[in-house]
PDB file of N, CA and C in Angstrom:
ATOM      1  N   MET A   1       0.856  -1.190   0.000  1.00  0.00           N
ATOM      2  CA  MET A   1       0.000   0.000   0.000  1.00  0.00           C
ATOM      3  C   MET A   1       0.892   1.241   0.000  1.00  0.00           C
ATOM      4  N   SER A   2       0.604   2.140  -0.875  1.00  0.00           N
ATOM      5  CA  SER A   2       1.428   3.341  -0.919  1.00  0.00           C
ATOM      6  C   SER A   2       1.032   4.290   0.212  1.00  0.00           C
ATOM      7  N   ASP A   3       1.951   5.167   0.517  1.00  0.00           N
ATOM      8  CA  ASP A   3       1.754   6.094   1.627  1.00  0.00           C
ATOM      9  C   ASP A   3       0.604   7.063   1.361  1.00  0.00           C
ATOM     10  N   GLY A   4       0.397   7.459   0.110  1.00  0.00           N
ATOM     11  CA  GLY A   4      -0.670   8.387  -0.256  1.00  0.00           C
ATOM     12  C   GLY A   4      -2.054   7.792  -0.058  1.00  0.00           C
ATOM     13  N   LYS A   5      -2.225   6.494  -0.431  1.00  0.00           N
ATOM     14  CA  LYS A   5      -3.511   5.833  -0.248  1.00  0.00           C
ATOM     15  C   LYS A   5      -3.839   5.676   1.230  1.00  0.00           C
ATOM     16  N   LYS A   6      -2.832   5.383   2.015  1.00  0.00           N
ATOM     17  CA  LYS A   6      -3.030   5.199   3.461  1.00  0.00           C
ATOM     18  C   LYS A   6      -3.518   6.513   4.094  1.00  0.00           C
ATOM     19  N   ARG A   7      -2.928   7.606   3.710  1.00  0.00           N
ATOM     20  CA  ARG A   7      -3.323   8.904   4.262  1.00  0.00           C
ATOM     21  C   ARG A   7      -4.761   9.263   3.875  1.00  0.00           C
ATOM     22  N   GLU A   8      -5.137   8.992   2.605  1.00  0.00           N
ATOM     23  CA  GLU A   8      -6.505   9.266   2.160  1.00  0.00           C
ATOM     24  C   GLU A   8      -7.509   8.483   2.998  1.00  0.00           C
ATOM     25  N   TYR A   9      -7.195   7.213   3.225  1.00  0.00           N
ATOM     26  CA  TYR A   9      -8.082   6.344   4.004  1.00  0.00           C
ATOM     27  C   TYR A   9      -8.232   6.854   5.441  1.00  0.00           C
ATOM     28  N   GLU A  10      -7.138   7.289   6.063  1.00  0.00           N
ATOM     29  CA  GLU A  10      -7.190   7.787   7.439  1.00  0.00           C
ATOM     30  C   GLU A  10      -8.044   9.049   7.526  1.00  0.00           C
ATOM     31  N   VAL A  11      -7.920   9.946   6.568  1.00  0.00           N
ATOM     32  CA  VAL A  11      -8.711  11.173   6.569  1.00  0.00           C
ATOM     33  C   VAL A  11     -10.184  10.834   6.383  1.00  0.00           C
ATOM     34  N   GLU A  12     -10.462   9.928   5.458  1.00  0.00           N
ATOM     35  CA  GLU A  12     -11.837   9.522   5.194  1.00  0.00           C
ATOM     36  C   GLU A  12     -12.459   8.879   6.433  1.00  0.00           C
ATOM     37  N   GLU A  13     -11.694   8.076   7.135  1.00  0.00           N
ATOM     38  CA  GLU A  13     -12.191   7.395   8.330  1.00  0.00           C
ATOM     39  C   GLU A  13     -12.533   8.400   9.436  1.00  0.00           C
ATOM     40  N   ARG A  14     -11.725   9.419   9.604  1.00  0.00           N
ATOM     41  CA  ARG A  14     -11.967  10.419  10.638  1.00  0.00           C
ATOM     42  C   ARG A  14     -13.190  11.271  10.327  1.00  0.00           C
ATOM     43  N   LEU A  15     -13.538  11.434   9.053  1.00  0.00           N
ATOM     44  CA  LEU A  15     -14.647  12.292   8.676  1.00  0.00           C
ATOM     45  C   LEU A  15     -15.989  11.563   8.577  1.00  0.00           C
ATOM     46  N   GLN A  16     -16.007  10.246   8.790  1.00  0.00           N
ATOM     47  CA  GLN A  16     -17.228   9.479   8.610  1.00  0.00           C
ATOM     48  C   GLN A  16     -18.324   9.854   9.602  1.00  0.00           C
ATOM     49  N   TYR A  17     -18.036   9.906  10.885  1.00  0.00           N
ATOM     50  CA  TYR A  17     -19.078  10.085  11.887  1.00  0.00           C
ATOM     51  C   TYR A  17     -19.330  11.561  12.169  1.00  0.00           C
ATOM     52  N   LYS A  18     -20.617  11.929  12.180  1.00  0.00           N
ATOM     53  CA  LYS A  18     -21.015  13.286  12.570  1.00  0.00           C
ATOM     54  C   LYS A  18     -22.165  13.171  13.541  1.00  0.00           C
ATOM     55  N   ASP A  19     -22.111  13.923  14.588  1.00  0.00           N
ATOM     56  CA  ASP A  19     -23.200  13.973  15.555  1.00  0.00           C
ATOM     57  C   ASP A  19     -24.125  15.112  15.121  1.00  0.00           C
ATOM     58  N   HIS A  20     -25.159  14.767  14.359  1.00  0.00           N
ATOM     59  CA  HIS A  20     -26.032  15.777  13.755  1.00  0.00           C
ATOM     60  C   HIS A  20     -26.815  16.566  14.795  1.00  0.00           C
ATOM     61  N   MET A  21     -27.250  15.886  15.862  1.00  0.00           N
ATOM     62  CA  MET A  21     -28.017  16.574  16.909  1.00  0.00           C
ATOM     63  C   MET A  21     -27.181  17.693  17.543  1.00  0.00           C
ATOM     64  N   THR A  22     -25.940  17.387  17.887  1.00  0.00           N
ATOM     65  CA  THR A  22     -25.070  18.397  18.494  1.00  0.00           C
ATOM     66  C   THR A  22     -24.804  19.527  17.513  1.00  0.00           C
ATOM     67  N   GLU A  23     -24.626  19.183  16.251  1.00  0.00           N
ATOM     68  CA  GLU A  23     -24.377  20.199  15.223  1.00  0.00           C
ATOM     69  C   GLU A  23     -25.565  21.164  15.118  1.00  0.00           C
ATOM     70  N   ILE A  24     -26.778  20.628  15.130  1.00  0.00           N
ATOM     71  CA  ILE A  24     -27.990  21.453  15.046  1.00  0.00           C
ATOM     72  C   ILE A  24     -28.121  22.335  16.282  1.00  0.00           C
ATOM     73  N   ILE A  25     -27.879  21.738  17.450  1.00  0.00           N
ATOM     74  CA  ILE A  25     -28.000  22.491  18.703  1.00  0.00           C
ATOM     75  C   ILE A  25     -26.951  23.590  18.776  1.00  0.00           C
ATOM     76  N   ARG A  26     -25.725  23.289  18.389  1.00  0.00           N
ATOM     77  CA  ARG A  26     -24.659  24.297  18.429  1.00  0.00           C
ATOM     78  C   ARG A  26     -24.966  25.458  17.476  1.00  0.00           C
ATOM     79  N   LYS A  27     -25.519  25.136  16.303  1.00  0.00           N
ATOM     80  CA  LYS A  27     -25.878  26.176  15.339  1.00  0.00           C
ATOM     81  C   LYS A  27     -26.960  27.081  15.924  1.00  0.00           C
ATOM     82  N   ALA A  28     -27.976  26.473  16.543  1.00  0.00           N
ATOM     83  CA  ALA A  28     -29.048  27.259  17.163  1.00  0.00           C
ATOM     84  C   ALA A  28     -28.502  28.096  18.316  1.00  0.00           C
ATOM     85  N   GLU A  29     -27.561  27.535  19.060  1.00  0.00           N
ATOM     86  CA  GLU A  29     -26.957  28.280  20.168  1.00  0.00           C
ATOM     87  C   GLU A  29     -26.164  29.480  19.647  1.00  0.00           C
ATOM     88  N   ASP A  30     -25.417  29.277  18.558  1.00  0.00           N
ATOM     89  CA  ASP A  30     -24.664  30.380  17.957  1.00  0.00           C
ATOM     90  C   ASP A  30     -25.584  31.492  17.458  1.00  0.00           C
ATOM     91  N   GLU A  31     -26.793  31.108  17.024  1.00  0.00           N
ATOM     92  CA  GLU A  31     -27.767  32.094  16.549  1.00  0.00           C
ATOM     93  C   GLU A  31     -28.497  32.780  17.697  1.00  0.00           C
ATOM     94  N   GLY A  32     -28.249  32.323  18.948  1.00  0.00           N
ATOM     95  CA  GLY A  32     -28.811  32.990  20.121  1.00  0.00           C
ATOM     96  C   GLY A  32     -30.179  32.506  20.556  1.00  0.00           C
ATOM     97  N   HIS A  33     -30.597  31.321  20.122  1.00  0.00           N
ATOM     98  CA  HIS A  33     -31.922  30.818  20.473  1.00  0.00           C
ATOM     99  C   HIS A  33     -32.039  30.374  21.934  1.00  0.00           C
ATOM    100  N   PHE A  34     -30.927  30.148  22.612  1.00  0.00           N
ATOM    101  CA  PHE A  34     -30.965  29.633  23.981  1.00  0.00           C
ATOM    102  C   PHE A  34     -30.548  30.663  25.030  1.00  0.00           C
ATOM    103  N   GLU A  35     -30.440  31.894  24.657  1.00  0.00           N
ATOM    104  CA  GLU A  35     -29.928  32.917  25.569  1.00  0.00           C
ATOM    105  C   GLU A  35     -30.792  33.116  26.812  1.00  0.00           C
ATOM    106  N   ASP A  36     -32.107  32.936  26.702  1.00  0.00           N
ATOM    107  CA  ASP A  36     -33.010  33.208  27.818  1.00  0.00           C
ATOM    108  C   ASP A  36     -33.321  31.983  28.669  1.00  0.00           C
ATOM    109  N   LEU A  37     -32.664  30.854  28.418  1.00  0.00           N
ATOM    110  CA  LEU A  37     -32.958  29.637  29.178  1.00  0.00           C
ATOM    111  C   LEU A  37     -32.412  29.731  30.596  1.00  0.00           C
ATOM    112  N   PRO A  38     -33.236  29.380  31.600  1.00  0.00           N
ATOM    113  CA  PRO A  38     -32.709  29.361  32.969  1.00  0.00           C
ATOM    114  C   PRO A  38     -31.737  28.198  33.107  1.00  0.00           C
ATOM    115  N   GLY A  39     -30.606  28.432  33.744  1.00  0.00           N
ATOM    116  CA  GLY A  39     -29.632  27.368  33.959  1.00  0.00           C
ATOM    117  C   GLY A  39     -28.666  27.184  32.816  1.00  0.00           C
ATOM    118  N   LYS A  40     -28.727  28.031  31.802  1.00  0.00           N
ATOM    119  CA  LYS A  40     -27.824  27.883  30.662  1.00  0.00           C
ATOM    120  C   LYS A  40     -26.379  28.066  31.129  1.00  0.00           C
ATOM    121  N   GLY A  41     -25.545  27.121  30.754  1.00  0.00           N
ATOM    122  CA  GLY A  41     -24.134  27.192  31.113  1.00  0.00           C
ATOM    123  C   GLY A  41     -23.805  26.515  32.426  1.00  0.00           C
ATOM    124  N   LYS A  42     -24.823  26.119  33.183  1.00  0.00           N
ATOM    125  CA  LYS A  42     -24.587  25.434  34.451  1.00  0.00           C
ATOM    126  C   LYS A  42     -24.468  23.935  34.180  1.00  0.00           C
ATOM    127  N   PRO A  43     -23.650  23.239  34.965  1.00  0.00           N
ATOM    128  CA  PRO A  43     -23.538  21.787  34.757  1.00  0.00           C
ATOM    129  C   PRO A  43     -24.837  21.080  35.097  1.00  0.00           C
ATOM    130  N   LEU A  44     -25.111  19.999  34.408  1.00  0.00           N
ATOM    131  CA  LEU A  44     -26.339  19.241  34.574  1.00  0.00           C
ATOM    132  C   LEU A  44     -26.063  18.030  35.446  1.00  0.00           C
ATOM    133  N   HIS A  45     -26.768  17.908  36.564  1.00  0.00           N
ATOM    134  CA  HIS A  45     -26.572  16.784  37.466  1.00  0.00           C
ATOM    135  C   HIS A  45     -27.778  15.860  37.353  1.00  0.00           C
ATOM    136  N   LEU A  46     -27.585  14.703  36.716  1.00  0.00           N
ATOM    137  CA  LEU A  46     -28.677  13.770  36.524  1.00  0.00           C
ATOM    138  C   LEU A  46     -28.906  12.894  37.748  1.00  0.00           C
ATOM    139  N   GLY A  47     -27.925  12.783  38.627  1.00  0.00           N
ATOM    140  CA  GLY A  47     -28.115  12.025  39.850  1.00  0.00           C
ATOM    141  C   GLY A  47     -27.770  10.557  39.726  1.00  0.00           C
ATOM    142  N   ARG A  48     -28.064   9.931  38.628  1.00  0.00           N
ATOM    143  CA  ARG A  48     -27.771   8.512  38.393  1.00  0.00           C
ATOM    144  C   ARG A  48     -27.084   8.366  37.058  1.00  0.00           C
ATOM    145  N   ASN A  49     -26.642   7.161  36.784  1.00  0.00           N
ATOM    146  CA  ASN A  49     -26.095   6.880  35.465  1.00  0.00           C
ATOM    147  C   ASN A  49     -27.254   6.451  34.579  1.00  0.00           C
ATOM    148  N   TYR A  50     -27.788   7.356  33.796  1.00  0.00           N
ATOM    149  CA  TYR A  50     -28.922   7.062  32.936  1.00  0.00           C
ATOM    150  C   TYR A  50     -28.413   6.548  31.598  1.00  0.00           C
ATOM    151  N   GLY A  51     -27.975   5.310  31.576  1.00  0.00           N
ATOM    152  CA  GLY A  51     -27.368   4.753  30.377  1.00  0.00           C
ATOM    153  C   GLY A  51     -28.366   4.105  29.459  1.00  0.00           C
ATOM    154  N   GLY A  52     -29.004   3.028  29.916  1.00  0.00           N
ATOM    155  CA  GLY A  52     -29.871   2.266  29.032  1.00  0.00           C
ATOM    156  C   GLY A  52     -29.028   1.548  28.002  1.00  0.00           C
ATOM    157  N   ASN A  53     -29.599   1.282  26.840  1.00  0.00           N
ATOM    158  CA  ASN A  53     -28.798   0.635  25.797  1.00  0.00           C
ATOM    159  C   ASN A  53     -27.889   1.662  25.128  1.00  0.00           C
ATOM    160  N   SER A  54     -27.037   1.200  24.238  1.00  0.00           N
ATOM    161  CA  SER A  54     -26.021   2.079  23.664  1.00  0.00           C
ATOM    162  C   SER A  54     -26.625   3.255  22.881  1.00  0.00           C
ATOM    163  N   TYR A  55     -27.768   3.028  22.209  1.00  0.00           N
ATOM    164  CA  TYR A  55     -28.395   4.122  21.461  1.00  0.00           C
ATOM    165  C   TYR A  55     -28.935   5.180  22.420  1.00  0.00           C
ATOM    166  N   GLU A  56     -29.593   4.739  23.491  1.00  0.00           N
ATOM    167  CA  GLU A  56     -30.106   5.678  24.480  1.00  0.00           C
ATOM    168  C   GLU A  56     -28.962   6.372  25.207  1.00  0.00           C
ATOM    169  N   ALA A  57     -27.887   5.648  25.447  1.00  0.00           N
ATOM    170  CA  ALA A  57     -26.731   6.244  26.123  1.00  0.00           C
ATOM    171  C   ALA A  57     -26.178   7.394  25.289  1.00  0.00           C
ATOM    172  N   GLN A  58     -26.065   7.221  23.976  1.00  0.00           N
ATOM    173  CA  GLN A  58     -25.573   8.288  23.107  1.00  0.00           C
ATOM    174  C   GLN A  58     -26.533   9.472  23.108  1.00  0.00           C
ATOM    175  N   LEU A  59     -27.838   9.187  23.027  1.00  0.00           N
ATOM    176  CA  LEU A  59     -28.832  10.257  23.055  1.00  0.00           C
ATOM    177  C   LEU A  59     -28.752  11.022  24.371  1.00  0.00           C
ATOM    178  N   ASN A  60     -28.704  10.282  25.488  1.00  0.00           N
ATOM    179  CA  ASN A  60     -28.663  10.943  26.795  1.00  0.00           C
ATOM    180  C   ASN A  60     -27.367  11.712  27.001  1.00  0.00           C
ATOM    181  N   LYS A  61     -26.261  11.216  26.456  1.00  0.00           N
ATOM    182  CA  LYS A  61     -24.993  11.945  26.548  1.00  0.00           C
ATOM    183  C   LYS A  61     -25.099  13.251  25.769  1.00  0.00           C
ATOM    184  N   THR A  62     -25.682  13.180  24.572  1.00  0.00           N
ATOM    185  CA  THR A  62     -25.844  14.384  23.754  1.00  0.00           C
ATOM    186  C   THR A  62     -26.748  15.393  24.450  1.00  0.00           C
ATOM    187  N   LEU A  63     -27.856  14.906  25.023  1.00  0.00           N
ATOM    188  CA  LEU A  63     -28.757  15.802  25.750  1.00  0.00           C
ATOM    189  C   LEU A  63     -28.042  16.426  26.947  1.00  0.00           C
ATOM    190  N   LYS A  64     -27.300  15.604  27.689  1.00  0.00           N
ATOM    191  CA  LYS A  64     -26.585  16.105  28.867  1.00  0.00           C
ATOM    192  C   LYS A  64     -25.539  17.135  28.469  1.00  0.00           C
ATOM    193  N   ASP A  65     -24.783  16.849  27.395  1.00  0.00           N
ATOM    194  CA  ASP A  65     -23.752  17.782  26.940  1.00  0.00           C
ATOM    195  C   ASP A  65     -24.343  19.115  26.514  1.00  0.00           C
ATOM    196  N   ASN A  66     -25.604  19.108  26.110  1.00  0.00           N
ATOM    197  CA  ASN A  66     -26.268  20.335  25.653  1.00  0.00           C
ATOM    198  C   ASN A  66     -27.234  20.889  26.693  1.00  0.00           C
ATOM    199  N   HIS A  67     -27.127  20.392  27.924  1.00  0.00           N
ATOM    200  CA  HIS A  67     -27.920  20.880  29.058  1.00  0.00           C
ATOM    201  C   HIS A  67     -29.421  20.788  28.822  1.00  0.00           C
ATOM    202  N   VAL A  68     -29.864  19.621  28.350  1.00  0.00           N
ATOM    203  CA  VAL A  68     -31.287  19.368  28.132  1.00  0.00           C
ATOM    204  C   VAL A  68     -31.666  18.121  28.921  1.00  0.00           C
ATOM    205  N   LEU A  69     -32.678  18.225  29.769  1.00  0.00           N
ATOM    206  CA  LEU A  69     -33.136  17.070  30.536  1.00  0.00           C
ATOM    207  C   LEU A  69     -34.247  16.344  29.795  1.00  0.00           C
ATOM    208  N   PRO A  70     -34.120  15.016  29.632  1.00  0.00           N
ATOM    209  CA  PRO A  70     -35.251  14.258  29.073  1.00  0.00           C
ATOM    210  C   PRO A  70     -36.437  14.326  30.035  1.00  0.00           C
ATOM    211  N   ARG A  71     -37.644  14.180  29.528  1.00  0.00           N
ATOM    212  CA  ARG A  71     -38.855  14.279  30.353  1.00  0.00           C
ATOM    213  C   ARG A  71     -38.839  13.276  31.496  1.00  0.00           C
ATOM    214  N   TRP A  72     -38.338  12.053  31.267  1.00  0.00           N
ATOM    215  CA  TRP A  72     -38.365  11.043  32.319  1.00  0.00           C
ATOM    216  C   TRP A  72     -37.406  11.374  33.460  1.00  0.00           C
ATOM    217  N   VAL A  73     -36.343  12.121  33.200  1.00  0.00           N
ATOM    218  CA  VAL A  73     -35.442  12.545  34.278  1.00  0.00           C
ATOM    219  C   VAL A  73     -36.143  13.601  35.131  1.00  0.00           C
ATOM    220  N   GLU A  74     -36.857  14.514  34.471  1.00  0.00           N
ATOM    221  CA  GLU A  74     -37.629  15.513  35.214  1.00  0.00           C
ATOM    222  C   GLU A  74     -38.679  14.824  36.087  1.00  0.00           C
ATOM    223  N   LEU A  75     -39.357  13.820  35.526  1.00  0.00           N
ATOM    224  CA  LEU A  75     -40.360  13.079  36.299  1.00  0.00           C
ATOM    225  C   LEU A  75     -39.725  12.365  37.490  1.00  0.00           C
ATOM    226  N   ALA A  76     -38.551  11.794  37.299  1.00  0.00           N
ATOM    227  CA  ALA A  76     -37.857  11.106  38.402  1.00  0.00           C
ATOM    228  C   ALA A  76     -37.564  12.080  39.536  1.00  0.00           C
ATOM    229  N   ASN A  77     -37.134  13.283  39.192  1.00  0.00           N
ATOM    230  CA  ASN A  77     -36.861  14.297  40.210  1.00  0.00           C
ATOM    231  C   ASN A  77     -38.143  14.702  40.944  1.00  0.00           C
ATOM    232  N   GLU A  78     -39.253  14.853  40.199  1.00  0.00           N
ATOM    233  CA  GLU A  78     -40.537  15.196  40.813  1.00  0.00           C
ATOM    234  C   GLU A  78     -41.017  14.080  41.741  1.00  0.00           C
ATOM    235  N   ILE A  79     -40.860  12.827  41.310  1.00  0.00           N
ATOM    236  CA  ILE A  79     -41.281  11.681  42.124  1.00  0.00           C
ATOM    237  C   ILE A  79     -40.482  11.636  43.420  1.00  0.00           C
ATOM    238  N   ASP A  80     -39.171  11.832  43.332  1.00  0.00           N
ATOM    239  CA  ASP A  80     -38.335  11.824  44.533  1.00  0.00           C
ATOM    240  C   ASP A  80     -38.757  12.923  45.510  1.00  0.00           C
ATOM    241  N   HIS A  81     -39.070  14.100  44.969  1.00  0.00           N
ATOM    242  CA  HIS A  81     -39.508  15.222  45.808  1.00  0.00           C
ATOM    243  C   HIS A  81     -40.842  14.897  46.496  1.00  0.00           C
ATOM    244  N   LEU A  82     -41.776  14.313  45.740  1.00  0.00           N
ATOM    245  CA  LEU A  82     -43.084  13.957  46.317  1.00  0.00           C
ATOM    246  C   LEU A  82     -42.957  12.852  47.365  1.00  0.00           C
ATOM    247  N   LYS A  83     -42.031  11.919  47.150  1.00  0.00           N
ATOM    248  CA  LYS A  83     -41.827  10.849  48.130  1.00  0.00           C
ATOM    249  C   LYS A  83     -41.296  11.404  49.452  1.00  0.00           C
ATOM    250  N   GLU A  84     -40.482  12.445  49.381  1.00  0.00           N
ATOM    251  CA  GLU A  84     -40.000  13.102  50.603  1.00  0.00           C
ATOM    252  C   GLU A  84     -41.172  13.732  51.358  1.00  0.00           C
ATOM    253  N   GLN A  85     -42.117  14.339  50.639  1.00  0.00           N
ATOM    254  CA  GLN A  85     -43.285  14.957  51.268  1.00  0.00           C
ATOM    255  C   GLN A  85     -44.215  13.913  51.875  1.00  0.00           C
ATOM    256  N   LEU A  86     -44.209  12.717  51.326  1.00  0.00           N
ATOM    257  CA  LEU A  86     -45.103  11.646  51.758  1.00  0.00           C
ATOM    258  C   LEU A  86     -44.870  11.262  53.225  1.00  0.00           C
ATOM    259  N   GLN A  87     -43.663  11.397  53.703  1.00  0.00           N
ATOM    260  CA  GLN A  87     -43.319  11.013  55.069  1.00  0.00           C
ATOM    261  C   GLN A  87     -44.051  11.849  56.117  1.00  0.00           C
ATOM    262  N   THR A  88     -44.421  13.066  55.771  1.00  0.00           N
ATOM    263  CA  THR A  88     -45.062  13.962  56.737  1.00  0.00           C
ATOM    264  C   THR A  88     -46.583  14.002  56.611  1.00  0.00           C
ATOM    265  N   ARG A  89     -47.141  13.278  55.661  1.00  0.00           N
ATOM    266  CA  ARG A  89     -48.588  13.318  55.423  1.00  0.00           C
ATOM    267  C   ARG A  89     -49.296  12.138  56.077  1.00  0.00           C
ATOM    268  N   GLU A  90     -50.564  12.361  56.432  1.00  0.00           N
ATOM    269  CA  GLU A  90     -51.393  11.306  57.014  1.00  0.00           C
ATOM    270  C   GLU A  90     -52.819  11.429  56.494  1.00  0.00           C
ATOM    271  N   GLY A  91     -53.567  10.344  56.583  1.00  0.00           N
ATOM    272  CA  GLY A  91     -54.986  10.342  56.236  1.00  0.00           C
ATOM    273  C   GLY A  91     -55.257  10.569  54.764  1.00  0.00           C
ATOM    274  N   LYS A  92     -56.261  11.442  54.507  1.00  0.00           N
ATOM    275  CA  LYS A  92     -56.698  11.706  53.131  1.00  0.00           C
ATOM    276  C   LYS A  92     -55.603  12.383  52.309  1.00  0.00           C
ATOM    277  N   GLU A  93     -54.845  13.256  52.956  1.00  0.00           N
ATOM    278  CA  GLU A  93     -53.755  13.936  52.244  1.00  0.00           C
ATOM    279  C   GLU A  93     -52.738  12.923  51.738  1.00  0.00           C
ATOM    280  N   ARG A  94     -52.424  11.921  52.578  1.00  0.00           N
ATOM    281  CA  ARG A  94     -51.474  10.884  52.207  1.00  0.00           C
ATOM    282  C   ARG A  94     -51.992  10.060  51.020  1.00  0.00           C
ATOM    283  N   LYS A  95     -53.280   9.674  51.064  1.00  0.00           N
ATOM    284  CA  LYS A  95     -53.862   8.896  49.971  1.00  0.00           C
ATOM    285  C   LYS A  95     -53.828   9.681  48.660  1.00  0.00           C
ATOM    286  N   LYS A  96     -54.143  10.968  48.747  1.00  0.00           N
ATOM    287  CA  LYS A  96     -54.143  11.824  47.561  1.00  0.00           C
ATOM    288  C   LYS A  96     -52.722  11.933  46.980  1.00  0.00           C
ATOM    289  N   LEU A  97     -51.724  12.081  47.863  1.00  0.00           N
ATOM    290  CA  LEU A  97     -50.333  12.197  47.420  1.00  0.00           C
ATOM    291  C   LEU A  97     -49.830  10.878  46.826  1.00  0.00           C
ATOM    292  N   VAL A  98     -50.228   9.744  47.425  1.00  0.00           N
ATOM    293  CA  VAL A  98     -49.842   8.436  46.894  1.00  0.00           C
ATOM    294  C   VAL A  98     -50.420   8.262  45.482  1.00  0.00           C
ATOM    295  N   LYS A  99     -51.664   8.686  45.295  1.00  0.00           N
ATOM    296  CA  LYS A  99     -52.306   8.593  43.983  1.00  0.00           C
ATOM    297  C   LYS A  99     -51.553   9.441  42.950  1.00  0.00           C
ATOM    298  N   GLU A 100     -51.157  10.635  43.344  1.00  0.00           N
ATOM    299  CA  GLU A 100     -50.411  11.524  42.452  1.00  0.00           C
ATOM    300  C   GLU A 100     -49.031  10.935  42.112  1.00  0.00           C
ATOM    301  N   ILE A 101     -48.354  10.373  43.118  1.00  0.00           N
ATOM    302  CA  ILE A 101     -47.042   9.754  42.889  1.00  0.00           C
ATOM    303  C   ILE A 101     -47.173   8.593  41.916  1.00  0.00           C
ATOM    304  N   ASN A 102     -48.177   7.742  42.131  1.00  0.00           N
ATOM    305  CA  ASN A 102     -48.366   6.578  41.256  1.00  0.00           C
ATOM    306  C   ASN A 102     -48.693   6.990  39.820  1.00  0.00           C
ATOM    307  N   LYS A 103     -49.419   8.081  39.666  1.00  0.00           N
ATOM    308  CA  LYS A 103     -49.718   8.594  38.325  1.00  0.00           C
ATOM    309  C   LYS A 103     -48.426   9.029  37.628  1.00  0.00           C
ATOM    310  N   LYS A 104     -47.553   9.722  38.367  1.00  0.00           N
ATOM    311  CA  LYS A 104     -46.274  10.166  37.801  1.00  0.00           C
ATOM    312  C   LYS A 104     -45.353   8.973  37.528  1.00  0.00           C
ATOM    313  N   ILE A 105     -45.393   7.956  38.390  1.00  0.00           N
ATOM    314  CA  ILE A 105     -44.577   6.756  38.173  1.00  0.00           C
ATOM    315  C   ILE A 105     -45.014   6.046  36.896  1.00  0.00           C
ATOM    316  N   LYS A 106     -46.312   5.984  36.652  1.00  0.00           N
ATOM    317  CA  LYS A 106     -46.822   5.357  35.432  1.00  0.00           C
ATOM    318  C   LYS A 106     -46.307   6.110  34.196  1.00  0.00           C
ATOM    319  N   GLU A 107     -46.398   7.424  34.228  1.00  0.00           N
ATOM    320  CA  GLU A 107     -45.900   8.243  33.120  1.00  0.00           C
ATOM    321  C   GLU A 107     -44.383   8.065  32.956  1.00  0.00           C
ATOM    322  N   TYR A 108     -43.673   8.026  34.083  1.00  0.00           N
ATOM    323  CA  TYR A 108     -42.222   7.833  34.087  1.00  0.00           C
ATOM    324  C   TYR A 108     -41.851   6.496  33.440  1.00  0.00           C
ATOM    325  N   ASN A 109     -42.564   5.419  33.820  1.00  0.00           N
ATOM    326  CA  ASN A 109     -42.252   4.086  33.305  1.00  0.00           C
ATOM    327  C   ASN A 109     -42.474   3.973  31.796  1.00  0.00           C
ATOM    328  N   TYR A 110     -43.414   4.745  31.251  1.00  0.00           N
ATOM    329  CA  TYR A 110     -43.625   4.755  29.808  1.00  0.00           C
ATOM    330  C   TYR A 110     -42.485   5.482  29.085  1.00  0.00           C
ATOM    331  N   ALA A 111     -41.861   6.456  29.747  1.00  0.00           N
ATOM    332  CA  ALA A 111     -40.870   7.299  29.091  1.00  0.00           C
ATOM    333  C   ALA A 111     -39.423   6.848  29.290  1.00  0.00           C
ATOM    334  N   CYS A 112     -39.121   6.160  30.384  1.00  0.00           N
ATOM    335  CA  CYS A 112     -37.730   5.844  30.722  1.00  0.00           C
ATOM    336  C   CYS A 112     -37.282   4.516  30.102  1.00  0.00           C
ATOM    337  N   PRO A 113     -35.967   4.250  30.103  1.00  0.00           N
ATOM    338  CA  PRO A 113     -35.474   2.944  29.654  1.00  0.00           C
ATOM    339  C   PRO A 113     -36.003   1.836  30.564  1.00  0.00           C
ATOM    340  N   PRO A 114     -36.256   0.644  30.026  1.00  0.00           N
ATOM    341  CA  PRO A 114     -36.835  -0.448  30.827  1.00  0.00           C
ATOM    342  C   PRO A 114     -36.040  -0.797  32.080  1.00  0.00           C
ATOM    343  N   SER A 115     -34.740  -0.664  32.029  1.00  0.00           N
ATOM    344  CA  SER A 115     -33.921  -1.038  33.184  1.00  0.00           C
ATOM    345  C   SER A 115     -34.063  -0.067  34.356  1.00  0.00           C
ATOM    346  N   LEU A 116     -34.670   1.102  34.140  1.00  0.00           N
ATOM    347  CA  LEU A 116     -34.782   2.110  35.196  1.00  0.00           C
ATOM    348  C   LEU A 116     -36.211   2.295  35.707  1.00  0.00           C
ATOM    349  N   GLN A 117     -37.125   1.420  35.311  1.00  0.00           N
ATOM    350  CA  GLN A 117     -38.509   1.595  35.724  1.00  0.00           C
ATOM    351  C   GLN A 117     -38.675   1.432  37.228  1.00  0.00           C
ATOM    352  N   ARG A 118     -39.705   2.057  37.755  1.00  0.00           N
ATOM    353  CA  ARG A 118     -39.966   2.068  39.192  1.00  0.00           C
ATOM    354  C   ARG A 118     -41.266   1.352  39.515  1.00  0.00           C
ATOM    355  N   ASN A 119     -41.382   0.901  40.773  1.00  0.00           N
ATOM    356  CA  ASN A 119     -42.607   0.279  41.263  1.00  0.00           C
ATOM    357  C   ASN A 119     -43.516   1.347  41.861  1.00  0.00           C
ATOM    358  N   LYS A 120     -44.824   1.074  41.832  1.00  0.00           N
ATOM    359  CA  LYS A 120     -45.775   2.005  42.427  1.00  0.00           C
ATOM    360  C   LYS A 120     -45.612   2.026  43.940  1.00  0.00           C
ATOM    361  N   VAL A 121     -46.074   3.104  44.545  1.00  0.00           N
ATOM    362  CA  VAL A 121     -46.019   3.278  45.993  1.00  0.00           C
ATOM    363  C   VAL A 121     -47.309   2.733  46.583  1.00  0.00           C
ATOM    364  N   SER A 122     -47.197   1.964  47.655  1.00  0.00           N
ATOM    365  CA  SER A 122     -48.404   1.491  48.327  1.00  0.00           C
ATOM    366  C   SER A 122     -48.679   2.381  49.537  1.00  0.00           C
ATOM    367  N   GLU A 123     -49.928   2.407  49.958  1.00  0.00           N
ATOM    368  CA  GLU A 123     -50.330   3.298  51.056  1.00  0.00           C
ATOM    369  C   GLU A 123     -49.848   2.842  52.396  1.00  0.00           C
TER     370      GLU A 123
END
């Protein structure tokens, strides 16, 4: 193999993969579409390793790198917050809160990777 062919192949190999989502987001950011977002530029703390399968892992990495939370991560944070409130509630208030938590858990389980699904809360 000649040295020239080897170099062409190496350049071609490096240019094959493009992350189109990041490219689109960066272009929109350069145009100033995200200037008014609360939390822009702050690091994103997901709390857990939200990997899932390799395709979801790439999507979640791209979202995290661009400071965008998937809906199921937001729901997980809301569920955790409501579960903390559950400890101080009793009677009808507790039943109402359990019902609300279970509704959010159902929505969460439809949106999240199968390996991260949660069980409903019992009264």
